[in-house]
């Protein structure tokens, strides 16, 4: 833009940008947007998410950025839903890590969400229980003795006792999962342990030997 103008003069002329000839607070001698008086060079740097300026801005404006993101999500629900779905699809490991970190930081909320989800999705829970029972049957060896069967019952009794005693849900877990991705265990006393439901949920079907 040729010539120096004040913002008032630019507004009067209907211009979108104007030039004062003076540096902004970041030292840029650049055009400024008439609408808010912001520096064009600053705005361009801020739009580059990889720039140091943009990183520092996000670091120093977390609350403002959070409010802007919430406002954008409210106004663009469908678009945000598609973006989130695509991100989860392209970043499965990060998605799992974020969920586990949130679960660890919000155990009470996670318990409430899980309880509500189970109540609202009985058909899914029944299918899961059916699959679980089938898996146990398939991994239940015929050579188990009567003592082994008694020990298995005692493990489940211990889980119930701890739940009542501590007021926290405990469950029986297979140390080596019955349906592991790399290796599958058996439904035998030596493969059972009593742990909290929260710990069992975070364990998944992954076995990592020490």
N, C-alpha and C. Protein backbone atom coordinates (compact mmCIF):
# COMPACT_ATOMS: atom_id res chain seq x y z
N UNK A 1 0.85 -1.19 0.00
CA UNK A 1 0.00 0.00 0.00
C UNK A 1 0.89 1.24 0.00
N UNK A 2 0.50 2.22 -0.82
CA UNK A 2 1.26 3.47 -0.92
C UNK A 2 0.71 4.48 0.07
N UNK A 3 1.63 5.19 0.76
CA UNK A 3 1.21 6.25 1.66
C UNK A 3 0.87 5.77 3.04
N UNK A 4 0.98 6.69 4.00
CA UNK A 4 0.69 6.41 5.40
C UNK A 4 -0.72 6.85 5.73
N UNK A 5 -1.46 5.97 6.40
CA UNK A 5 -2.83 6.27 6.77
C UNK A 5 -3.07 5.88 8.22
N UNK A 6 -3.97 6.57 8.87
CA UNK A 6 -4.41 6.14 10.19
C UNK A 6 -5.53 5.14 10.00
N UNK A 7 -5.86 4.44 11.04
CA UNK A 7 -6.93 3.47 10.96
C UNK A 7 -8.27 4.16 10.69
N UNK A 8 -8.46 5.32 11.29
CA UNK A 8 -9.70 6.08 11.09
C UNK A 8 -9.86 6.47 9.63
N UNK A 9 -8.75 6.91 9.01
CA UNK A 9 -8.78 7.30 7.59
C UNK A 9 -9.07 6.09 6.71
N UNK A 10 -8.48 4.94 7.09
CA UNK A 10 -8.69 3.73 6.30
C UNK A 10 -10.14 3.28 6.37
N UNK A 11 -10.74 3.39 7.56
CA UNK A 11 -12.14 3.02 7.73
C UNK A 11 -13.04 3.92 6.88
N UNK A 12 -12.70 5.21 6.88
CA UNK A 12 -13.48 6.18 6.11
C UNK A 12 -13.43 5.88 4.62
N UNK A 13 -12.31 5.37 4.16
CA UNK A 13 -12.15 5.06 2.73
C UNK A 13 -12.62 3.64 2.38
N UNK A 14 -13.01 2.88 3.40
CA UNK A 14 -13.50 1.51 3.14
C UNK A 14 -12.39 0.54 2.82
N UNK A 15 -11.17 0.79 3.29
CA UNK A 15 -10.03 -0.08 3.02
C UNK A 15 -9.95 -1.23 4.03
N UNK A 16 -9.46 -2.37 3.58
CA UNK A 16 -9.32 -3.51 4.47
C UNK A 16 -8.02 -3.46 5.26
N UNK A 17 -7.00 -2.81 4.68
CA UNK A 17 -5.72 -2.68 5.37
C UNK A 17 -5.24 -1.24 5.28
N UNK A 18 -4.33 -0.88 6.16
CA UNK A 18 -3.74 0.45 6.14
C UNK A 18 -2.29 0.35 6.62
N UNK A 19 -1.52 1.41 6.40
CA UNK A 19 -0.10 1.40 6.73
C UNK A 19 0.25 2.65 7.54
N UNK A 20 0.84 2.41 8.74
CA UNK A 20 1.18 3.53 9.62
C UNK A 20 2.65 3.94 9.50
N UNK A 21 3.48 3.02 8.97
CA UNK A 21 4.91 3.30 8.89
C UNK A 21 5.63 3.04 10.20
N UNK A 22 4.89 2.62 11.23
CA UNK A 22 5.49 2.37 12.54
C UNK A 22 5.49 0.86 12.82
N UNK A 23 6.50 0.38 13.55
CA UNK A 23 6.56 -1.06 13.86
C UNK A 23 5.49 -1.47 14.87
N UNK A 24 5.01 -2.69 14.76
CA UNK A 24 4.07 -3.22 15.75
C UNK A 24 4.86 -3.62 17.00
N UNK A 25 4.21 -4.17 18.00
CA UNK A 25 4.89 -4.52 19.25
C UNK A 25 5.91 -5.64 19.06
N UNK A 26 5.82 -6.34 17.92
CA UNK A 26 6.79 -7.40 17.62
C UNK A 26 7.86 -6.92 16.63
N UNK A 27 7.82 -5.64 16.29
CA UNK A 27 8.87 -5.06 15.44
C UNK A 27 8.61 -5.13 13.95
N UNK A 28 7.41 -5.53 13.54
CA UNK A 28 7.11 -5.60 12.11
C UNK A 28 6.63 -4.25 11.58
N UNK A 29 7.26 -3.77 10.51
CA UNK A 29 6.76 -2.58 9.82
C UNK A 29 5.96 -3.09 8.64
N UNK A 30 4.68 -3.26 8.87
CA UNK A 30 3.82 -3.95 7.91
C UNK A 30 2.43 -3.31 7.88
N UNK A 31 1.66 -3.70 6.88
CA UNK A 31 0.25 -3.27 6.84
C UNK A 31 -0.48 -3.81 8.07
N UNK A 32 -1.60 -3.16 8.39
CA UNK A 32 -2.43 -3.61 9.50
C UNK A 32 -3.87 -3.76 9.00
N UNK A 33 -4.56 -4.71 9.59
CA UNK A 33 -5.95 -4.91 9.21
C UNK A 33 -6.82 -3.81 9.82
N UNK A 34 -7.66 -3.23 8.98
CA UNK A 34 -8.51 -2.12 9.43
C UNK A 34 -9.51 -2.58 10.49
N UNK A 35 -10.01 -3.81 10.38
CA UNK A 35 -11.06 -4.29 11.28
C UNK A 35 -10.64 -4.22 12.75
N UNK A 36 -9.42 -4.70 13.04
CA UNK A 36 -8.99 -4.75 14.44
C UNK A 36 -7.65 -4.06 14.70
N UNK A 37 -7.01 -3.60 13.65
CA UNK A 37 -5.73 -2.93 13.82
C UNK A 37 -4.58 -3.88 14.03
N UNK A 38 -4.78 -5.18 13.76
CA UNK A 38 -3.72 -6.16 13.96
C UNK A 38 -2.73 -6.14 12.80
N UNK A 39 -1.50 -6.52 13.12
CA UNK A 39 -0.41 -6.52 12.14
C UNK A 39 -0.56 -7.70 11.18
N UNK A 40 -0.46 -7.44 9.88
CA UNK A 40 -0.60 -8.49 8.87
C UNK A 40 0.52 -9.50 8.99
N UNK A 41 1.76 -9.03 9.22
CA UNK A 41 2.90 -9.94 9.35
C UNK A 41 2.73 -10.86 10.54
N UNK A 42 2.20 -10.33 11.65
CA UNK A 42 1.96 -11.14 12.84
C UNK A 42 0.91 -12.21 12.56
N UNK A 43 -0.14 -11.80 11.85
CA UNK A 43 -1.22 -12.74 11.52
C UNK A 43 -0.72 -13.87 10.63
N UNK A 44 0.16 -13.56 9.67
CA UNK A 44 0.71 -14.58 8.78
C UNK A 44 1.59 -15.56 9.55
N UNK A 45 2.37 -15.04 10.49
CA UNK A 45 3.23 -15.91 11.29
C UNK A 45 2.38 -16.80 12.19
N UNK A 46 1.32 -16.22 12.74
CA UNK A 46 0.46 -16.99 13.63
C UNK A 46 -0.25 -18.11 12.89
N UNK A 47 -0.53 -17.90 11.60
CA UNK A 47 -1.23 -18.91 10.81
C UNK A 47 -0.33 -20.10 10.47
N UNK A 48 0.98 -19.92 10.62
CA UNK A 48 1.93 -21.01 10.38
C UNK A 48 2.13 -21.76 11.69
N UNK A 49 1.50 -22.94 11.83
CA UNK A 49 1.51 -23.67 13.09
C UNK A 49 2.90 -24.15 13.48
N UNK A 50 3.84 -24.20 12.51
CA UNK A 50 5.18 -24.69 12.80
C UNK A 50 6.14 -23.57 13.20
N UNK A 51 5.72 -22.32 13.07
CA UNK A 51 6.62 -21.20 13.38
C UNK A 51 6.81 -21.07 14.89
N UNK A 52 7.95 -20.51 15.28
CA UNK A 52 8.25 -20.30 16.69
C UNK A 52 7.25 -19.32 17.31
N UNK A 53 6.86 -18.34 16.51
CA UNK A 53 5.88 -17.36 16.98
C UNK A 53 4.57 -18.04 17.34
N UNK A 54 4.11 -18.93 16.45
CA UNK A 54 2.84 -19.63 16.68
C UNK A 54 2.92 -20.53 17.90
N UNK A 55 4.06 -21.23 18.06
CA UNK A 55 4.24 -22.11 19.21
C UNK A 55 4.21 -21.33 20.52
N UNK A 56 4.91 -20.19 20.53
CA UNK A 56 4.93 -19.36 21.74
C UNK A 56 3.55 -18.79 22.05
N UNK A 57 2.83 -18.42 20.99
CA UNK A 57 1.48 -17.87 21.19
C UNK A 57 0.58 -18.91 21.83
N UNK A 58 0.61 -20.14 21.32
CA UNK A 58 -0.23 -21.20 21.87
C UNK A 58 0.15 -21.51 23.32
N UNK A 59 1.47 -21.44 23.60
CA UNK A 59 1.95 -21.71 24.95
C UNK A 59 1.48 -20.65 25.94
N UNK A 60 1.45 -19.39 25.50
CA UNK A 60 1.10 -18.27 26.39
C UNK A 60 -0.39 -17.92 26.39
N UNK A 61 -1.16 -18.62 25.56
CA UNK A 61 -2.59 -18.31 25.46
C UNK A 61 -3.44 -19.58 25.51
N UNK A 62 -3.10 -20.47 26.45
CA UNK A 62 -3.80 -21.76 26.53
C UNK A 62 -5.29 -21.59 26.82
N UNK A 63 -5.61 -20.71 27.78
CA UNK A 63 -7.02 -20.51 28.14
C UNK A 63 -7.81 -19.92 26.97
N UNK A 64 -7.22 -18.92 26.32
CA UNK A 64 -7.89 -18.29 25.18
C UNK A 64 -8.06 -19.28 24.04
N UNK A 65 -7.03 -20.08 23.81
CA UNK A 65 -7.09 -21.07 22.74
C UNK A 65 -8.15 -22.13 23.03
N UNK A 66 -8.25 -22.51 24.31
CA UNK A 66 -9.27 -23.50 24.70
C UNK A 66 -10.67 -22.96 24.45
N UNK A 67 -10.89 -21.69 24.79
CA UNK A 67 -12.20 -21.07 24.57
C UNK A 67 -12.53 -20.98 23.08
N UNK A 68 -11.51 -20.62 22.28
CA UNK A 68 -11.72 -20.52 20.83
C UNK A 68 -12.06 -21.89 20.23
N UNK A 69 -11.37 -22.93 20.71
CA UNK A 69 -11.63 -24.28 20.21
C UNK A 69 -13.04 -24.74 20.58
N UNK A 70 -13.46 -24.44 21.82
CA UNK A 70 -14.81 -24.81 22.25
C UNK A 70 -15.86 -24.08 21.42
N UNK A 71 -15.62 -22.79 21.17
CA UNK A 71 -16.56 -22.00 20.37
C UNK A 71 -16.64 -22.55 18.95
N UNK A 72 -15.49 -22.89 18.38
CA UNK A 72 -15.46 -23.45 17.02
C UNK A 72 -16.21 -24.78 16.98
N UNK A 73 -16.01 -25.62 18.01
CA UNK A 73 -16.67 -26.92 18.04
C UNK A 73 -18.19 -26.78 18.10
N UNK A 74 -18.67 -25.80 18.88
CA UNK A 74 -20.10 -25.57 18.99
C UNK A 74 -20.70 -25.11 17.66
N UNK A 75 -19.98 -24.23 16.97
CA UNK A 75 -20.48 -23.68 15.71
C UNK A 75 -20.26 -24.63 14.52
N UNK A 76 -19.38 -25.61 14.68
CA UNK A 76 -19.07 -26.51 13.57
C UNK A 76 -19.07 -27.97 14.05
N UNK A 77 -20.19 -28.39 14.63
CA UNK A 77 -20.28 -29.72 15.22
C UNK A 77 -20.00 -30.83 14.22
N UNK A 78 -20.65 -30.78 13.07
CA UNK A 78 -20.49 -31.84 12.07
C UNK A 78 -19.06 -31.88 11.52
N UNK A 79 -18.52 -30.70 11.23
CA UNK A 79 -17.17 -30.62 10.70
C UNK A 79 -16.16 -31.11 11.72
N UNK A 80 -16.36 -30.72 12.99
CA UNK A 80 -15.46 -31.15 14.06
C UNK A 80 -15.53 -32.66 14.27
N UNK A 81 -16.73 -33.23 14.15
CA UNK A 81 -16.91 -34.67 14.32
C UNK A 81 -16.13 -35.43 13.25
N UNK A 82 -16.18 -34.94 12.01
CA UNK A 82 -15.44 -35.57 10.91
C UNK A 82 -13.94 -35.45 11.15
N UNK A 83 -13.50 -34.28 11.59
CA UNK A 83 -12.07 -34.06 11.86
C UNK A 83 -11.57 -34.98 12.96
N UNK A 84 -12.36 -35.11 14.02
CA UNK A 84 -11.97 -35.98 15.14
C UNK A 84 -11.92 -37.44 14.71
N UNK A 85 -12.90 -37.85 13.89
CA UNK A 85 -12.94 -39.23 13.41
C UNK A 85 -11.72 -39.53 12.55
N UNK A 86 -11.37 -38.60 11.66
CA UNK A 86 -10.21 -38.78 10.79
C UNK A 86 -8.92 -38.83 11.62
N UNK A 87 -8.84 -37.97 12.66
CA UNK A 87 -7.64 -37.94 13.49
C UNK A 87 -7.46 -39.26 14.23
N UNK A 88 -8.57 -39.78 14.80
CA UNK A 88 -8.49 -41.06 15.52
C UNK A 88 -8.08 -42.20 14.60
N UNK A 89 -8.58 -42.15 13.36
CA UNK A 89 -8.25 -43.19 12.39
C UNK A 89 -6.78 -43.14 12.00
N UNK A 90 -6.23 -41.95 11.87
CA UNK A 90 -4.84 -41.78 11.43
C UNK A 90 -3.83 -41.81 12.58
N UNK A 91 -4.32 -41.73 13.83
CA UNK A 91 -3.42 -41.70 14.99
C UNK A 91 -3.89 -42.66 16.08
N UNK A 92 -3.99 -43.96 15.78
CA UNK A 92 -4.53 -44.92 16.76
C UNK A 92 -3.70 -45.01 18.04
N UNK A 93 -2.37 -44.96 17.90
CA UNK A 93 -1.50 -45.07 19.08
C UNK A 93 -1.65 -43.85 19.99
N UNK A 94 -1.68 -42.66 19.38
CA UNK A 94 -1.85 -41.43 20.17
C UNK A 94 -3.22 -41.42 20.83
N UNK A 95 -4.21 -41.91 20.12
CA UNK A 95 -5.58 -41.94 20.64
C UNK A 95 -5.66 -42.83 21.88
N UNK A 96 -5.04 -44.00 21.82
CA UNK A 96 -5.03 -44.92 22.96
C UNK A 96 -4.28 -44.32 24.14
N UNK A 97 -3.13 -43.67 23.84
CA UNK A 97 -2.32 -43.06 24.90
C UNK A 97 -3.08 -41.93 25.59
N UNK A 98 -3.77 -41.12 24.81
CA UNK A 98 -4.56 -40.02 25.38
C UNK A 98 -5.69 -40.56 26.25
N UNK A 99 -6.35 -41.61 25.79
CA UNK A 99 -7.45 -42.18 26.56
C UNK A 99 -6.96 -42.75 27.88
N UNK A 100 -5.83 -43.44 27.84
CA UNK A 100 -5.28 -44.03 29.07
C UNK A 100 -4.83 -42.94 30.04
N UNK A 101 -4.21 -41.89 29.51
CA UNK A 101 -3.78 -40.78 30.38
C UNK A 101 -4.99 -40.11 31.03
N UNK A 102 -6.06 -39.92 30.24
CA UNK A 102 -7.27 -39.29 30.79
C UNK A 102 -7.91 -40.20 31.83
N UNK A 103 -7.96 -41.50 31.55
CA UNK A 103 -8.54 -42.45 32.50
C UNK A 103 -7.78 -42.43 33.83
N UNK A 104 -6.43 -42.37 33.73
CA UNK A 104 -5.60 -42.37 34.94
C UNK A 104 -5.81 -41.09 35.75
N UNK A 105 -6.04 -39.98 35.06
CA UNK A 105 -6.21 -38.69 35.74
C UNK A 105 -7.65 -38.46 36.22
N UNK A 106 -8.60 -39.24 35.68
CA UNK A 106 -10.01 -39.03 36.03
C UNK A 106 -10.70 -40.37 36.33
N UNK A 107 -10.24 -41.09 37.35
CA UNK A 107 -10.82 -42.42 37.64
C UNK A 107 -12.30 -42.40 37.97
N UNK A 108 -12.73 -41.38 38.72
CA UNK A 108 -14.15 -41.31 39.10
C UNK A 108 -15.04 -41.06 37.89
N UNK A 109 -14.63 -40.12 37.03
CA UNK A 109 -15.40 -39.83 35.83
C UNK A 109 -15.43 -41.04 34.90
N UNK A 110 -14.30 -41.72 34.77
CA UNK A 110 -14.24 -42.90 33.91
C UNK A 110 -15.19 -43.98 34.42
N UNK A 111 -15.23 -44.17 35.75
CA UNK A 111 -16.12 -45.18 36.33
C UNK A 111 -17.58 -44.85 36.04
N UNK A 112 -17.93 -43.55 36.16
CA UNK A 112 -19.31 -43.12 35.91
C UNK A 112 -19.67 -43.31 34.43
N UNK A 113 -18.75 -42.92 33.54
CA UNK A 113 -19.00 -43.07 32.10
C UNK A 113 -19.18 -44.54 31.74
N UNK A 114 -18.31 -45.39 32.31
CA UNK A 114 -18.37 -46.82 32.00
C UNK A 114 -19.67 -47.44 32.49
N UNK A 115 -20.07 -47.05 33.71
CA UNK A 115 -21.31 -47.58 34.27
C UNK A 115 -22.51 -47.15 33.44
N UNK A 116 -22.53 -45.87 33.04
CA UNK A 116 -23.63 -45.36 32.23
C UNK A 116 -23.66 -46.04 30.87
N UNK A 117 -22.48 -46.24 30.26
CA UNK A 117 -22.42 -46.87 28.93
C UNK A 117 -22.93 -48.31 29.01
N UNK A 118 -22.56 -49.04 30.06
CA UNK A 118 -23.02 -50.43 30.20
C UNK A 118 -24.54 -50.50 30.33
N UNK A 119 -25.13 -49.53 31.06
CA UNK A 119 -26.58 -49.50 31.23
C UNK A 119 -27.29 -49.17 29.92
N UNK A 120 -26.69 -48.30 29.11
CA UNK A 120 -27.32 -47.86 27.87
C UNK A 120 -27.05 -48.80 26.70
N UNK A 121 -26.15 -49.75 26.88
CA UNK A 121 -25.80 -50.68 25.79
C UNK A 121 -25.84 -52.13 26.28
N UNK A 122 -27.00 -52.59 26.76
CA UNK A 122 -27.09 -53.96 27.30
C UNK A 122 -26.82 -55.03 26.25
N UNK A 123 -27.23 -54.76 24.99
CA UNK A 123 -27.03 -55.77 23.95
C UNK A 123 -25.54 -55.99 23.67
N UNK A 124 -24.78 -54.90 23.72
CA UNK A 124 -23.33 -55.01 23.50
C UNK A 124 -22.68 -55.77 24.66
N UNK A 125 -23.12 -55.45 25.88
CA UNK A 125 -22.57 -56.12 27.06
C UNK A 125 -22.88 -57.61 27.05
N UNK A 126 -24.12 -57.96 26.64
CA UNK A 126 -24.50 -59.38 26.58
C UNK A 126 -23.67 -60.12 25.54
N UNK A 127 -23.43 -59.46 24.41
CA UNK A 127 -22.61 -60.07 23.36
C UNK A 127 -21.18 -60.27 23.86
N UNK A 128 -20.69 -59.26 24.59
CA UNK A 128 -19.33 -59.35 25.13
C UNK A 128 -19.21 -60.48 26.14
N UNK A 129 -20.22 -60.59 27.03
CA UNK A 129 -20.20 -61.65 28.02
C UNK A 129 -20.28 -63.02 27.37
N UNK A 130 -21.10 -63.12 26.31
CA UNK A 130 -21.20 -64.38 25.59
C UNK A 130 -19.89 -64.78 24.95
N UNK A 131 -19.23 -63.79 24.36
CA UNK A 131 -17.93 -64.05 23.74
C UNK A 131 -16.92 -64.45 24.80
N UNK A 132 -16.99 -63.79 25.96
CA UNK A 132 -16.08 -64.09 27.06
C UNK A 132 -16.27 -65.52 27.57
N UNK A 133 -17.55 -65.92 27.74
CA UNK A 133 -17.84 -67.28 28.22
C UNK A 133 -17.32 -68.31 27.23
N UNK A 134 -17.51 -68.02 25.93
CA UNK A 134 -17.04 -68.95 24.90
C UNK A 134 -15.53 -69.07 24.93
N UNK A 135 -14.85 -67.94 25.16
CA UNK A 135 -13.39 -67.94 25.22
C UNK A 135 -12.90 -68.76 26.40
N UNK A 136 -13.60 -68.61 27.54
CA UNK A 136 -13.22 -69.38 28.74
C UNK A 136 -13.37 -70.87 28.49
N UNK A 137 -14.49 -71.25 27.84
CA UNK A 137 -14.73 -72.66 27.55
C UNK A 137 -13.64 -73.23 26.65
N UNK A 138 -13.26 -72.45 25.64
CA UNK A 138 -12.25 -72.91 24.71
C UNK A 138 -10.88 -73.04 25.36
N UNK A 139 -10.62 -72.20 26.38
CA UNK A 139 -9.31 -72.21 27.04
C UNK A 139 -9.36 -72.94 28.38
N UNK A 140 -10.40 -73.75 28.59
CA UNK A 140 -10.60 -74.49 29.84
C UNK A 140 -10.12 -75.93 29.63
N UNK A 141 -8.91 -76.25 30.07
CA UNK A 141 -8.35 -77.58 29.77
C UNK A 141 -9.08 -78.71 30.50
N UNK A 142 -9.16 -79.86 29.84
CA UNK A 142 -9.87 -81.00 30.40
C UNK A 142 -9.10 -81.64 31.55
N UNK A 143 -7.80 -81.38 31.62
CA UNK A 143 -6.99 -82.05 32.63
C UNK A 143 -7.03 -81.36 34.01
N UNK A 144 -7.85 -80.29 34.18
CA UNK A 144 -7.94 -79.63 35.47
C UNK A 144 -8.47 -80.59 36.54
N UNK A 145 -7.84 -80.58 37.68
CA UNK A 145 -8.28 -81.43 38.79
C UNK A 145 -9.38 -80.75 39.60
N UNK A 146 -9.96 -81.49 40.54
CA UNK A 146 -10.99 -80.91 41.40
C UNK A 146 -10.40 -79.78 42.25
N UNK A 147 -9.15 -79.93 42.65
CA UNK A 147 -8.49 -78.88 43.43
C UNK A 147 -8.32 -77.62 42.59
N UNK A 148 -8.01 -77.80 41.31
CA UNK A 148 -7.85 -76.65 40.42
C UNK A 148 -9.18 -75.90 40.28
N UNK A 149 -10.26 -76.65 40.11
CA UNK A 149 -11.59 -76.04 39.98
C UNK A 149 -11.94 -75.28 41.25
N UNK A 150 -11.60 -75.88 42.41
CA UNK A 150 -11.88 -75.22 43.70
C UNK A 150 -11.08 -73.93 43.82
N UNK A 151 -9.81 -73.94 43.41
CA UNK A 151 -8.96 -72.75 43.47
C UNK A 151 -9.51 -71.63 42.58
N UNK A 152 -10.02 -72.00 41.40
CA UNK A 152 -10.59 -71.00 40.50
C UNK A 152 -11.79 -70.32 41.15
N UNK A 153 -12.65 -71.12 41.79
CA UNK A 153 -13.81 -70.55 42.49
C UNK A 153 -13.37 -69.62 43.62
N UNK A 154 -12.31 -70.01 44.32
CA UNK A 154 -11.80 -69.19 45.41
C UNK A 154 -11.26 -67.84 44.92
N UNK A 155 -10.67 -67.83 43.72
CA UNK A 155 -10.17 -66.58 43.14
C UNK A 155 -11.32 -65.61 42.88
N UNK A 156 -12.41 -66.13 42.33
CA UNK A 156 -13.58 -65.28 42.07
C UNK A 156 -14.23 -64.82 43.38
N UNK A 157 -14.21 -65.68 44.38
CA UNK A 157 -14.74 -65.30 45.68
C UNK A 157 -13.92 -64.18 46.30
N UNK A 158 -12.60 -64.23 46.10
CA UNK A 158 -11.70 -63.18 46.61
C UNK A 158 -11.99 -61.85 45.94
N UNK A 159 -12.26 -61.89 44.65
CA UNK A 159 -12.58 -60.66 43.91
C UNK A 159 -13.85 -60.02 44.47
N UNK A 160 -14.87 -60.84 44.73
CA UNK A 160 -16.12 -60.33 45.30
C UNK A 160 -15.90 -59.77 46.70
N UNK A 161 -15.08 -60.47 47.51
CA UNK A 161 -14.81 -60.03 48.87
C UNK A 161 -14.10 -58.67 48.87
N UNK A 162 -13.13 -58.49 48.00
CA UNK A 162 -12.40 -57.21 47.93
C UNK A 162 -13.31 -56.08 47.47
N UNK A 163 -14.23 -56.39 46.56
CA UNK A 163 -15.17 -55.37 46.08
C UNK A 163 -16.04 -54.87 47.22
N UNK A 164 -16.55 -55.80 48.03
CA UNK A 164 -17.41 -55.44 49.16
C UNK A 164 -16.61 -54.72 50.24
N UNK A 165 -15.39 -55.19 50.49
CA UNK A 165 -14.57 -54.66 51.58
C UNK A 165 -14.07 -53.25 51.29
N UNK A 166 -13.57 -53.04 50.08
CA UNK A 166 -12.93 -51.76 49.75
C UNK A 166 -13.85 -50.78 49.03
N UNK A 167 -15.02 -51.23 48.57
CA UNK A 167 -15.93 -50.33 47.88
C UNK A 167 -15.47 -49.96 46.48
N UNK A 168 -14.51 -50.70 45.96
CA UNK A 168 -13.99 -50.50 44.61
C UNK A 168 -14.14 -51.81 43.86
N UNK A 169 -14.50 -51.74 42.60
CA UNK A 169 -14.75 -52.95 41.83
C UNK A 169 -13.44 -53.70 41.52
N UNK A 170 -13.39 -54.96 41.98
CA UNK A 170 -12.25 -55.84 41.68
C UNK A 170 -12.74 -56.94 40.74
N UNK A 171 -11.83 -57.48 39.96
CA UNK A 171 -12.22 -58.49 39.00
C UNK A 171 -11.10 -59.52 38.84
N UNK A 172 -11.45 -60.66 38.27
CA UNK A 172 -10.46 -61.71 38.01
C UNK A 172 -9.88 -61.48 36.62
N UNK A 173 -8.57 -61.42 36.55
CA UNK A 173 -7.88 -61.14 35.29
C UNK A 173 -7.01 -62.33 34.91
N UNK A 174 -6.93 -62.58 33.61
CA UNK A 174 -6.02 -63.61 33.11
C UNK A 174 -4.67 -62.96 32.83
N UNK A 175 -3.65 -63.40 33.52
CA UNK A 175 -2.31 -62.81 33.36
C UNK A 175 -1.89 -62.86 31.90
N UNK A 176 -2.01 -64.03 31.31
CA UNK A 176 -1.85 -64.16 29.86
C UNK A 176 -3.25 -64.20 29.27
N UNK A 177 -3.68 -63.18 28.52
CA UNK A 177 -5.06 -63.08 28.03
C UNK A 177 -5.53 -64.33 27.28
N UNK A 178 -6.81 -64.65 27.45
CA UNK A 178 -7.37 -65.80 26.74
C UNK A 178 -7.41 -65.57 25.24
N UNK A 179 -7.51 -64.30 24.84
CA UNK A 179 -7.57 -63.95 23.43
C UNK A 179 -6.49 -62.92 23.11
N UNK A 180 -5.27 -63.22 23.51
CA UNK A 180 -4.15 -62.31 23.29
C UNK A 180 -3.82 -62.15 21.83
N UNK A 181 -3.21 -61.01 21.51
CA UNK A 181 -2.87 -60.74 20.11
C UNK A 181 -1.66 -61.56 19.65
N UNK A 182 -0.75 -61.88 20.60
CA UNK A 182 0.45 -62.64 20.24
C UNK A 182 0.46 -64.03 20.86
N UNK A 183 -0.07 -64.14 22.08
CA UNK A 183 -0.09 -65.42 22.78
C UNK A 183 -1.36 -65.49 23.62
N UNK A 184 -1.95 -66.68 23.75
CA UNK A 184 -3.17 -66.85 24.52
C UNK A 184 -2.93 -67.81 25.68
N UNK A 185 -3.49 -67.45 26.85
CA UNK A 185 -3.31 -68.28 28.03
C UNK A 185 -4.47 -69.21 28.26
N UNK A 186 -4.43 -69.94 29.38
CA UNK A 186 -5.47 -70.90 29.73
C UNK A 186 -6.24 -70.41 30.96
N UNK A 187 -7.45 -70.95 31.12
CA UNK A 187 -8.27 -70.61 32.29
C UNK A 187 -7.91 -71.60 33.39
N UNK A 188 -6.75 -71.34 34.02
CA UNK A 188 -6.23 -72.21 35.07
C UNK A 188 -5.81 -71.33 36.26
N UNK A 189 -5.74 -71.90 37.47
CA UNK A 189 -5.42 -71.10 38.66
C UNK A 189 -4.15 -70.29 38.54
N UNK A 190 -3.11 -70.86 37.96
CA UNK A 190 -1.81 -70.16 37.87
C UNK A 190 -1.84 -68.99 36.90
N UNK A 191 -2.90 -68.88 36.10
CA UNK A 191 -2.99 -67.78 35.13
C UNK A 191 -4.01 -66.73 35.59
N UNK A 192 -4.45 -66.82 36.85
CA UNK A 192 -5.46 -65.88 37.34
C UNK A 192 -4.86 -64.96 38.41
N UNK A 193 -5.34 -63.72 38.40
CA UNK A 193 -4.97 -62.76 39.44
C UNK A 193 -6.16 -61.85 39.70
N UNK A 194 -6.23 -61.32 40.91
CA UNK A 194 -7.32 -60.42 41.28
C UNK A 194 -6.79 -58.99 41.28
N UNK A 195 -7.34 -58.16 40.39
CA UNK A 195 -6.92 -56.77 40.28
C UNK A 195 -8.15 -55.87 40.18
N UNK A 196 -7.97 -54.58 40.31
CA UNK A 196 -9.11 -53.66 40.20
C UNK A 196 -9.62 -53.64 38.76
N UNK A 197 -10.90 -53.34 38.62
CA UNK A 197 -11.48 -53.27 37.27
C UNK A 197 -10.79 -52.21 36.43
N UNK A 198 -10.39 -51.10 37.09
CA UNK A 198 -9.68 -50.04 36.39
C UNK A 198 -8.37 -50.55 35.81
N UNK A 199 -7.60 -51.29 36.62
CA UNK A 199 -6.32 -51.84 36.14
C UNK A 199 -6.55 -52.84 35.03
N UNK A 200 -7.62 -53.62 35.14
CA UNK A 200 -7.94 -54.62 34.12
C UNK A 200 -8.30 -53.96 32.80
N UNK A 201 -9.03 -52.83 32.87
CA UNK A 201 -9.44 -52.12 31.65
C UNK A 201 -8.24 -51.56 30.91
N UNK A 202 -7.26 -51.05 31.66
CA UNK A 202 -6.09 -50.46 31.02
C UNK A 202 -5.13 -51.51 30.49
N UNK A 203 -5.24 -52.75 31.00
CA UNK A 203 -4.33 -53.83 30.60
C UNK A 203 -4.60 -54.31 29.18
N UNK A 204 -5.86 -54.34 28.79
CA UNK A 204 -6.26 -54.79 27.45
C UNK A 204 -5.86 -56.24 27.24
N UNK A 205 -5.79 -56.69 25.97
CA UNK A 205 -5.40 -58.07 25.65
C UNK A 205 -3.95 -58.16 25.25
N UNK A 206 -3.10 -57.47 26.00
CA UNK A 206 -1.68 -57.43 25.68
C UNK A 206 -0.90 -58.07 26.81
N UNK A 207 -0.02 -59.00 26.47
CA UNK A 207 0.83 -59.65 27.47
C UNK A 207 2.28 -59.31 27.21
N UNK A 208 2.90 -58.69 28.21
CA UNK A 208 4.31 -58.33 28.08
C UNK A 208 5.08 -59.00 29.22
N UNK A 209 5.76 -60.11 28.96
CA UNK A 209 6.48 -60.81 30.02
C UNK A 209 7.60 -59.96 30.58
N UNK A 210 7.86 -60.11 31.88
CA UNK A 210 8.92 -59.35 32.54
C UNK A 210 10.30 -59.84 32.11
